Protein backbone atom coordinates (compact mmCIF):
# COMPACT_ATOMS: atom_id res chain seq x y z
CA MET A 1 -10.33 80.53 -75.82
CA PRO A 2 -12.06 77.53 -74.25
CA ASP A 3 -15.53 77.94 -72.84
CA PHE A 4 -15.35 77.62 -69.06
CA GLY A 5 -19.08 78.12 -68.60
CA GLY A 6 -21.15 80.89 -67.08
CA ASP A 7 -22.81 83.99 -68.51
CA THR A 8 -19.81 86.29 -68.19
CA ASP A 9 -21.56 89.31 -69.69
CA ALA A 10 -24.27 89.25 -67.03
CA PHE A 11 -21.71 88.52 -64.33
CA ARG A 12 -19.50 91.38 -65.50
CA ASN A 13 -22.35 93.82 -64.96
CA GLU A 14 -23.02 92.33 -61.52
CA ALA A 15 -19.36 92.52 -60.52
CA LYS A 16 -18.95 96.06 -61.79
CA ALA A 17 -21.98 97.31 -59.89
CA TRP A 18 -20.99 95.53 -56.67
CA LEU A 19 -17.40 96.78 -56.80
CA GLU A 20 -18.50 100.36 -57.43
CA ALA A 21 -20.82 100.15 -54.44
CA ASN A 22 -18.35 98.49 -52.03
CA PHE A 23 -14.74 99.32 -52.89
CA PRO A 24 -13.58 102.42 -50.95
CA PRO A 25 -11.93 104.89 -53.40
CA SER A 26 -9.40 105.77 -50.69
CA LEU A 27 -7.83 102.30 -51.13
CA LYS A 28 -7.22 102.58 -54.86
CA GLY A 29 -3.65 101.54 -55.64
CA ARG A 30 -2.85 100.95 -51.96
CA ALA A 31 -2.66 97.16 -51.90
CA SER A 32 0.35 97.37 -49.56
CA LEU A 33 -2.12 98.20 -46.78
CA SER A 34 -3.19 94.55 -46.90
CA ALA A 35 -0.33 93.35 -44.78
CA GLY A 36 -0.52 89.71 -45.88
CA GLU A 37 0.96 87.83 -42.98
CA GLY A 38 1.81 91.01 -41.14
CA PRO A 39 0.16 92.78 -38.20
CA ALA A 40 -3.29 94.22 -38.60
CA VAL A 41 -3.42 97.69 -40.17
CA VAL A 42 -5.75 100.15 -38.46
CA ASN A 43 -7.79 101.49 -41.35
CA ALA A 44 -11.59 101.73 -41.29
CA ASP A 45 -11.93 101.54 -45.09
CA LEU A 46 -9.66 98.49 -45.23
CA ASP A 47 -11.69 96.79 -42.52
CA ALA A 48 -14.94 97.54 -44.38
CA TRP A 49 -13.49 96.30 -47.67
CA THR A 50 -12.20 93.11 -46.11
CA LYS A 51 -15.58 92.46 -44.48
CA ALA A 52 -17.46 93.08 -47.69
CA MET A 53 -15.25 90.78 -49.76
CA GLY A 54 -15.37 88.09 -47.08
CA GLU A 55 -19.15 88.15 -46.83
CA LYS A 56 -19.46 88.08 -50.62
CA GLY A 57 -17.02 85.15 -50.83
CA TRP A 58 -15.01 86.90 -53.51
CA GLY A 59 -11.76 86.81 -51.53
CA VAL A 60 -11.65 83.13 -52.60
CA PRO A 61 -13.93 83.40 -55.62
CA THR A 62 -13.79 79.82 -56.91
CA TRP A 63 -14.13 78.06 -53.53
CA PRO A 64 -17.52 76.44 -52.84
CA LYS A 65 -20.23 78.69 -51.43
CA LYS A 66 -21.06 76.23 -48.65
CA TYR A 67 -17.64 76.95 -47.11
CA GLY A 68 -17.76 80.73 -47.57
CA GLY A 69 -16.32 80.96 -51.06
CA GLY A 70 -17.75 82.74 -54.06
CA GLY A 71 -18.72 79.64 -56.02
CA LEU A 72 -17.62 81.32 -59.27
CA THR A 73 -16.47 79.58 -62.40
CA PRO A 74 -12.88 80.19 -63.53
CA ALA A 75 -14.23 82.45 -66.28
CA GLU A 76 -16.24 84.49 -63.81
CA ALA A 77 -13.25 84.79 -61.49
CA ARG A 78 -11.19 86.20 -64.35
CA VAL A 79 -13.92 88.72 -65.12
CA LEU A 80 -14.00 89.74 -61.48
CA GLN A 81 -10.25 90.33 -61.50
CA GLN A 82 -10.54 92.35 -64.72
CA GLU A 83 -13.19 94.58 -63.23
CA MET A 84 -11.16 95.02 -60.06
CA ASN A 85 -8.12 96.02 -62.11
CA LYS A 86 -10.13 98.65 -63.98
CA ILE A 87 -10.95 100.60 -60.80
CA GLY A 88 -7.70 99.91 -58.92
CA ALA A 89 -9.36 97.46 -56.50
CA TRP A 90 -7.48 94.54 -54.97
CA ASN A 91 -8.18 91.43 -52.94
CA PRO A 92 -7.65 92.12 -49.21
CA ILE A 93 -8.01 88.43 -48.30
CA GLY A 94 -4.87 86.34 -48.68
CA GLY A 95 -1.95 84.72 -46.95
CA MET A 96 -1.12 81.10 -46.38
CA GLY A 97 -4.70 80.19 -45.56
CA THR A 98 -5.90 81.02 -49.04
CA MET A 99 -2.75 80.17 -50.98
CA MET A 100 -1.80 76.84 -49.44
CA PHE A 101 -3.80 75.44 -46.54
CA GLY A 102 -7.32 76.16 -47.77
CA PRO A 103 -7.00 74.38 -51.14
CA THR A 104 -5.28 71.46 -49.43
CA LEU A 105 -7.97 71.11 -46.76
CA LEU A 106 -10.68 71.26 -49.40
CA GLU A 107 -9.09 68.16 -50.95
CA PHE A 108 -8.01 66.16 -47.88
CA GLY A 109 -10.06 67.43 -44.95
CA THR A 110 -13.15 65.91 -43.41
CA GLU A 111 -16.47 67.71 -43.76
CA GLU A 112 -16.22 68.78 -40.14
CA GLN A 113 -12.72 70.20 -40.67
CA LYS A 114 -13.81 72.12 -43.77
CA MET A 115 -16.80 73.62 -42.00
CA GLU A 116 -14.64 74.60 -39.01
CA HIS A 117 -11.70 76.15 -40.83
CA ILE A 118 -12.53 77.18 -44.41
CA PRO A 119 -15.10 79.94 -43.63
CA ALA A 120 -12.67 81.64 -41.26
CA ILE A 121 -10.01 81.61 -43.98
CA ALA A 122 -12.45 82.98 -46.55
CA THR A 123 -13.25 85.94 -44.27
CA GLN A 124 -9.68 86.56 -43.07
CA LYS A 125 -10.71 85.93 -39.47
CA VAL A 126 -7.99 83.35 -38.79
CA ARG A 127 -4.36 83.65 -39.85
CA TRP A 128 -2.33 80.54 -40.64
CA CYS A 129 1.39 79.76 -40.72
CA GLN A 130 3.34 76.77 -42.04
CA GLY A 131 5.37 74.46 -39.80
CA PHE A 132 7.41 72.42 -42.26
CA SER A 133 11.17 73.21 -42.27
CA GLU A 134 13.41 72.49 -39.29
CA PRO A 135 17.05 73.35 -38.55
CA GLY A 136 18.03 69.83 -39.62
CA ALA A 137 15.31 69.29 -42.21
CA GLY A 138 15.30 71.85 -45.02
CA SER A 139 15.80 70.42 -48.48
CA ASP A 140 15.45 66.94 -46.98
CA LEU A 141 12.16 67.82 -45.34
CA ALA A 142 11.24 64.19 -44.65
CA SER A 143 14.05 63.99 -42.07
CA LEU A 144 12.03 66.21 -39.72
CA SER A 145 12.06 65.29 -36.03
CA THR A 146 9.35 67.40 -34.36
CA LYS A 147 7.43 64.72 -32.50
CA ALA A 148 3.73 64.32 -31.79
CA GLU A 149 2.94 61.66 -29.20
CA ASP A 150 -0.46 60.01 -29.02
CA LYS A 151 -2.00 60.78 -25.63
CA GLY A 152 -5.42 59.30 -26.14
CA ASP A 153 -7.67 62.23 -27.01
CA HIS A 154 -4.85 64.55 -28.09
CA PHE A 155 -1.26 64.74 -29.38
CA LEU A 156 1.62 66.17 -27.35
CA ILE A 157 4.05 68.07 -29.59
CA ASN A 158 7.72 68.78 -28.92
CA GLY A 159 10.31 70.12 -31.35
CA GLN A 160 11.43 73.11 -33.38
CA LYS A 161 10.48 74.64 -36.74
CA ILE A 162 12.28 77.37 -38.64
CA TRP A 163 11.41 79.88 -41.40
CA THR A 164 7.86 79.96 -40.06
CA SER A 165 6.51 82.80 -42.16
CA GLY A 166 4.23 85.06 -40.14
CA GLY A 167 4.43 82.82 -37.08
CA GLN A 168 4.36 85.79 -34.71
CA TRP A 169 0.99 86.89 -36.09
CA ALA A 170 -0.60 83.50 -36.79
CA ASP A 171 -3.56 82.00 -34.96
CA MET A 172 -3.05 78.47 -36.28
CA CYS A 173 -0.25 76.41 -37.80
CA PHE A 174 -0.52 73.55 -40.32
CA CYS A 175 2.39 71.42 -39.30
CA LEU A 176 4.27 68.30 -40.27
CA VAL A 177 5.10 66.14 -37.25
CA ARG A 178 6.68 62.76 -36.71
CA THR A 179 4.26 60.18 -35.35
CA ASP A 180 6.35 57.11 -36.15
CA THR A 181 10.10 57.12 -35.55
CA THR A 182 10.69 53.79 -37.30
CA LYS A 183 9.86 55.10 -40.78
CA LYS A 184 10.89 58.23 -42.69
CA HIS A 185 8.22 59.40 -45.17
CA GLU A 186 5.59 57.01 -43.81
CA GLY A 187 6.06 58.23 -40.25
CA ILE A 188 4.91 61.85 -40.83
CA SER A 189 1.46 63.24 -40.05
CA PHE A 190 -0.25 66.55 -40.95
CA LEU A 191 -1.49 68.28 -37.78
CA LEU A 192 -3.18 71.61 -37.01
CA ILE A 193 -1.82 73.43 -33.96
CA ASP A 194 -3.23 76.38 -32.06
CA MET A 195 -0.49 79.04 -31.83
CA HIS A 196 -2.13 80.77 -28.83
CA GLN A 197 -1.14 78.26 -26.14
CA PRO A 198 1.60 78.21 -23.47
CA GLY A 199 3.58 75.47 -25.23
CA VAL A 200 4.33 77.58 -28.32
CA GLU A 201 7.17 80.13 -28.49
CA VAL A 202 7.89 82.23 -31.59
CA ARG A 203 11.11 84.18 -32.21
CA PRO A 204 11.20 86.47 -35.32
CA ILE A 205 14.30 86.43 -37.50
CA LYS A 206 15.41 89.78 -38.97
CA LEU A 207 16.27 89.55 -42.68
CA ILE A 208 18.46 91.60 -45.02
CA ALA A 209 15.47 93.72 -46.16
CA GLY A 210 14.92 94.88 -42.57
CA ALA A 211 11.68 92.98 -41.99
CA SER A 212 11.07 89.88 -39.86
CA PRO A 213 8.56 87.75 -41.76
CA PHE A 214 10.26 84.48 -40.83
CA CYS A 215 10.51 82.98 -37.35
CA GLU A 216 11.84 80.20 -35.25
CA THR A 217 9.01 78.28 -33.58
CA PHE A 218 9.45 76.07 -30.52
CA PHE A 219 6.89 73.51 -29.32
CA THR A 220 7.24 72.40 -25.69
CA ASP A 221 4.47 70.04 -24.63
CA ALA A 222 2.06 71.82 -27.00
CA VAL A 223 -1.32 70.14 -27.41
CA ALA A 224 -3.45 69.40 -30.47
CA PRO A 225 -6.78 67.54 -30.24
CA LYS A 226 -7.20 64.38 -32.34
CA LYS A 227 -9.77 66.16 -34.54
CA ASN A 228 -6.92 68.34 -35.82
CA LEU A 229 -5.25 65.45 -37.63
CA VAL A 230 -5.72 65.98 -41.39
CA GLY A 231 -5.73 62.75 -43.38
CA PRO A 232 -4.66 59.41 -41.95
CA LEU A 233 -2.13 58.95 -39.18
CA ASN A 234 1.32 58.71 -40.75
CA GLY A 235 -0.15 59.83 -44.07
CA GLY A 236 0.97 63.43 -43.94
CA TRP A 237 3.73 63.24 -46.54
CA ASN A 238 1.38 62.94 -49.52
CA ILE A 239 -0.68 65.84 -48.21
CA ALA A 240 2.46 67.91 -47.76
CA LYS A 241 3.52 67.28 -51.36
CA ARG A 242 0.19 68.53 -52.65
CA LEU A 243 0.35 71.60 -50.40
CA LEU A 244 3.84 72.42 -51.68
CA GLN A 245 2.46 72.36 -55.23
CA HIS A 246 -0.14 74.94 -54.20
CA GLU A 247 2.60 76.99 -52.52
CA ARG A 248 4.83 76.97 -55.62
CA SER A 249 1.88 77.86 -57.80
CA GLY A 250 1.08 80.81 -55.54
CA ILE A 251 4.68 82.05 -55.33
CA SER A 252 5.13 81.89 -59.09
CA GLY A 253 1.89 83.38 -60.31
CA GLY A 254 -0.19 84.62 -57.44
CA GLY A 255 -2.04 87.84 -58.11
CA GLY A 256 -2.36 90.06 -61.11
CA ALA A 257 -0.34 93.04 -62.09
CA GLY A 258 -0.49 95.60 -59.35
CA SER A 259 0.33 99.22 -58.77
CA ARG A 260 3.79 100.68 -58.88
CA GLY A 261 4.44 99.68 -55.32
CA GLY A 262 3.15 96.13 -55.64
CA GLY A 263 2.71 93.78 -58.53
CA MET A 264 2.72 90.08 -59.13
CA PHE A 265 6.42 89.61 -58.40
CA GLY A 266 6.87 91.42 -55.10
CA VAL A 267 8.75 94.38 -56.51
CA GLY A 268 6.27 95.54 -59.11
CA GLY A 269 5.43 98.54 -61.18
CA SER A 270 6.19 99.14 -64.79
CA PRO A 271 9.93 99.40 -65.59
CA ALA A 272 9.04 101.43 -68.68
CA GLU A 273 7.08 103.98 -66.66
CA ILE A 274 9.80 104.23 -64.04
CA ALA A 275 12.54 104.54 -66.73
CA LYS A 276 10.76 107.45 -68.36
CA GLU A 277 10.65 109.20 -65.02
CA TYR A 278 14.25 108.58 -63.98
CA VAL A 279 16.10 108.34 -67.32
CA GLY A 280 13.93 110.61 -69.45
CA VAL A 281 12.40 110.32 -72.92
CA ASP A 282 13.49 111.14 -76.46
CA GLY A 283 11.60 113.24 -78.98
CA ALA A 284 9.27 110.31 -79.76
CA GLY A 285 8.35 109.84 -76.10
CA ARG A 286 10.43 106.67 -75.77
CA ILE A 287 12.96 105.82 -73.06
CA ALA A 288 15.95 107.97 -73.92
CA ASP A 289 18.59 105.23 -73.47
CA SER A 290 18.23 102.86 -76.42
CA ASP A 291 20.03 99.95 -74.75
CA LEU A 292 17.88 100.26 -71.64
CA ARG A 293 14.81 100.52 -73.85
CA SER A 294 15.63 97.21 -75.47
CA ARG A 295 16.19 95.48 -72.17
CA VAL A 296 12.95 96.86 -70.72
CA VAL A 297 10.99 95.64 -73.75
CA SER A 298 12.63 92.21 -73.49
CA HIS A 299 11.73 91.97 -69.83
CA GLU A 300 8.14 93.08 -70.34
CA MET A 301 7.72 90.41 -73.04
CA ASP A 302 9.04 87.73 -70.68
CA ALA A 303 6.77 88.97 -67.89
CA LYS A 304 3.69 89.04 -70.09
CA ALA A 305 4.40 85.58 -71.50
CA PHE A 306 4.77 84.28 -67.96
CA GLN A 307 1.53 85.92 -66.82
CA LEU A 308 -0.43 84.34 -69.65
CA THR A 309 1.15 80.94 -69.01
CA ALA A 310 0.39 81.23 -65.28
CA ILE A 311 -3.27 81.99 -66.02
CA ARG A 312 -3.52 78.99 -68.37
CA THR A 313 -1.81 76.71 -65.82
CA MET A 314 -4.16 77.81 -63.02
CA VAL A 315 -7.21 77.18 -65.21
CA GLU A 316 -5.92 73.75 -66.22
CA SER A 317 -5.20 72.84 -62.57
CA LYS A 318 -8.82 73.61 -61.65
CA SER A 319 -10.23 71.53 -64.51
CA ASN A 320 -7.99 68.51 -63.85
CA GLN A 321 -6.61 67.18 -60.58
CA GLY A 322 -5.13 70.30 -59.04
CA PRO A 323 -1.52 71.56 -59.29
CA SER A 324 1.01 69.20 -60.84
CA ALA A 325 4.77 68.99 -60.97
CA ALA A 326 4.57 71.72 -63.61
CA THR A 327 4.30 74.18 -60.72
CA SER A 328 8.05 73.63 -60.25
CA ILE A 329 8.64 75.10 -63.72
CA MET A 330 6.38 78.02 -62.98
CA LYS A 331 7.99 78.64 -59.62
CA ASN A 332 11.49 78.81 -61.14
CA ALA A 333 10.36 80.92 -64.09
CA GLY A 334 8.22 83.31 -62.02
CA THR A 335 10.81 84.00 -59.38
CA LYS A 336 13.45 84.69 -62.06
CA VAL A 337 11.17 87.18 -63.80
CA GLY A 338 10.53 88.84 -60.44
CA GLN A 339 14.18 89.09 -59.54
CA ASP A 340 15.07 90.37 -63.02
CA ARG A 341 12.43 93.06 -62.69
CA ALA A 342 13.74 94.16 -59.31
CA GLU A 343 17.32 94.36 -60.59
CA LEU A 344 16.22 96.35 -63.62
CA ILE A 345 14.22 98.89 -61.58
CA ILE A 346 17.09 99.39 -59.10
CA GLU A 347 19.45 99.99 -62.04
CA ILE A 348 16.99 102.49 -63.58
CA MET A 349 16.77 104.44 -60.34
CA GLY A 350 20.54 104.76 -60.10
CA HIS A 351 21.76 106.09 -56.76
CA GLN A 352 18.14 106.72 -55.80
CA GLY A 353 17.68 102.98 -55.91
CA LEU A 354 20.29 102.32 -53.26
CA GLY A 355 18.79 104.15 -50.27
CA TRP A 356 17.99 102.63 -46.92
CA GLU A 357 16.66 105.60 -44.99
CA GLY A 358 16.85 109.35 -44.86
CA GLU A 359 15.22 112.42 -46.37
CA GLY A 360 16.95 112.04 -49.72
CA PHE A 361 14.73 109.13 -50.75
CA SER A 362 11.01 108.82 -51.30
CA ALA A 363 8.97 106.15 -49.53
CA GLU A 364 8.46 104.46 -52.88
CA GLU A 365 12.18 104.33 -53.60
CA LEU A 366 12.87 102.81 -50.20
CA SER A 367 10.13 100.25 -50.73
CA PHE A 368 11.76 99.19 -54.00
CA VAL A 369 15.13 98.74 -52.30
CA ARG A 370 13.59 96.54 -49.62
CA GLY A 371 11.56 94.65 -52.18
CA TRP A 372 14.71 94.00 -54.24
CA LEU A 373 16.54 92.65 -51.21
CA GLY A 374 13.57 90.66 -49.94
CA GLY A 375 13.04 89.17 -53.39
CA LYS A 376 16.37 87.36 -53.13
CA ALA A 377 14.66 84.79 -50.93
CA THR A 378 12.06 83.80 -53.55
CA THR A 379 14.45 81.36 -55.24
CA ILE A 380 14.96 79.69 -51.84
CA PHE A 381 11.65 79.51 -50.00
CA GLY A 382 8.89 77.24 -51.22
CA GLY A 383 11.57 74.85 -52.39
CA SER A 384 14.88 76.16 -53.78
CA GLN A 385 15.62 76.43 -57.51
CA GLU A 386 17.84 73.36 -57.23
CA ILE A 387 15.03 71.30 -55.66
CA GLN A 388 12.62 72.43 -58.38
CA SER A 389 15.15 71.50 -61.07
CA ASN A 390 15.42 68.01 -59.61
CA ILE A 391 11.62 67.67 -59.63
CA ILE A 392 11.48 68.90 -63.25
CA SER A 393 14.19 66.50 -64.38
CA LYS A 394 12.70 63.43 -62.67
CA ARG A 395 8.93 63.91 -62.78
CA ILE A 396 8.47 65.88 -66.00
CA LEU A 397 11.47 65.06 -68.22
CA GLY A 398 11.83 61.50 -66.91
CA LEU A 399 15.60 61.77 -66.61
CA PRO A 400 17.42 59.15 -64.54
CA ASP A 401 18.53 59.94 -61.00
CA PRO A 402 22.35 60.01 -61.11
CA LEU A 403 22.47 58.94 -57.46
CA ASN A 404 20.65 55.72 -58.32
CA ASN A 405 22.40 55.07 -61.64
CA SER A 406 24.47 51.93 -61.43
CA ASN A 407 26.09 52.42 -64.84
């Protein structure tokens, strides 16, 4: 293993002692209480845990201390995660602020913007949503038409966004807007918009899994001060590309292995453990069905290989120039592993894995059904599999673009 610096033995002792003193035992294995982009959960222990992690900076362990981060080395951050896993602790600070916007602002924001926004992200005090896709600008995102007009000391925003994850709960939106109608990519700017103003309307969209994490968002004469422009005017496209790399990295490999109800791929838990419960075991304590046993082992090998590759990729991205086009590979691979896991668990549960409501199903079984259905979207959001395949073919493999091939 490479040496990433830091006295990890001393840090391990520090982390272990701090976690034992601050992590409420009542939250062990209950990561689902951290609602991500959802509404606040009323839980005193969760509030105390979130506050403690935020003040320590360990919700974003490798971010600079001056902005509210932990200032840890990658090696120390891994040790912290290992110690959290040992006691069933989990990071209550997350969402789009930590996964996408924060890392992007650290790279492209002014010092004033970083000081204003990063600490609030690091302490989970401000929720963020993403205003990128539009009804007529999905895969061809650069064709967006939401317009921001220069009004001197502010921008006036009019237009519509769609698939705005968590828009109904967000305080702020990092948004792509058109500031020059004569150019396509070079006419887009990256703007921060306050969601709590009269000119913003959010309409949740109910999905197949029964939840409404995505929304339609309408801007009607919404206002954003000039200080909320990130990067140069009409220079938002390059910032957006980097943010999407962070998003794909987070979707593919965000988080470590979780409890049976969570996990790194949305529908988590150990298929082997669940199979032993629902299918039974043989005299040697193995999954009774030999064919299922082979498929579970094959999946677990794929998942472990992916996890290790994701860790290596994240470490390399921190030591070089941030996420690269390789995140497209990880996004496709990670979402496939997640969907395969969900399908396998539903098969293992049999008819108990097909419930929607009612007394005949446990809360855990119902959560797996909803996770399986919700996981269908992972190969679409954050850039569809087809889009990622195009990026891989052009930017990594160097294959010619058939649309521009004159032969």
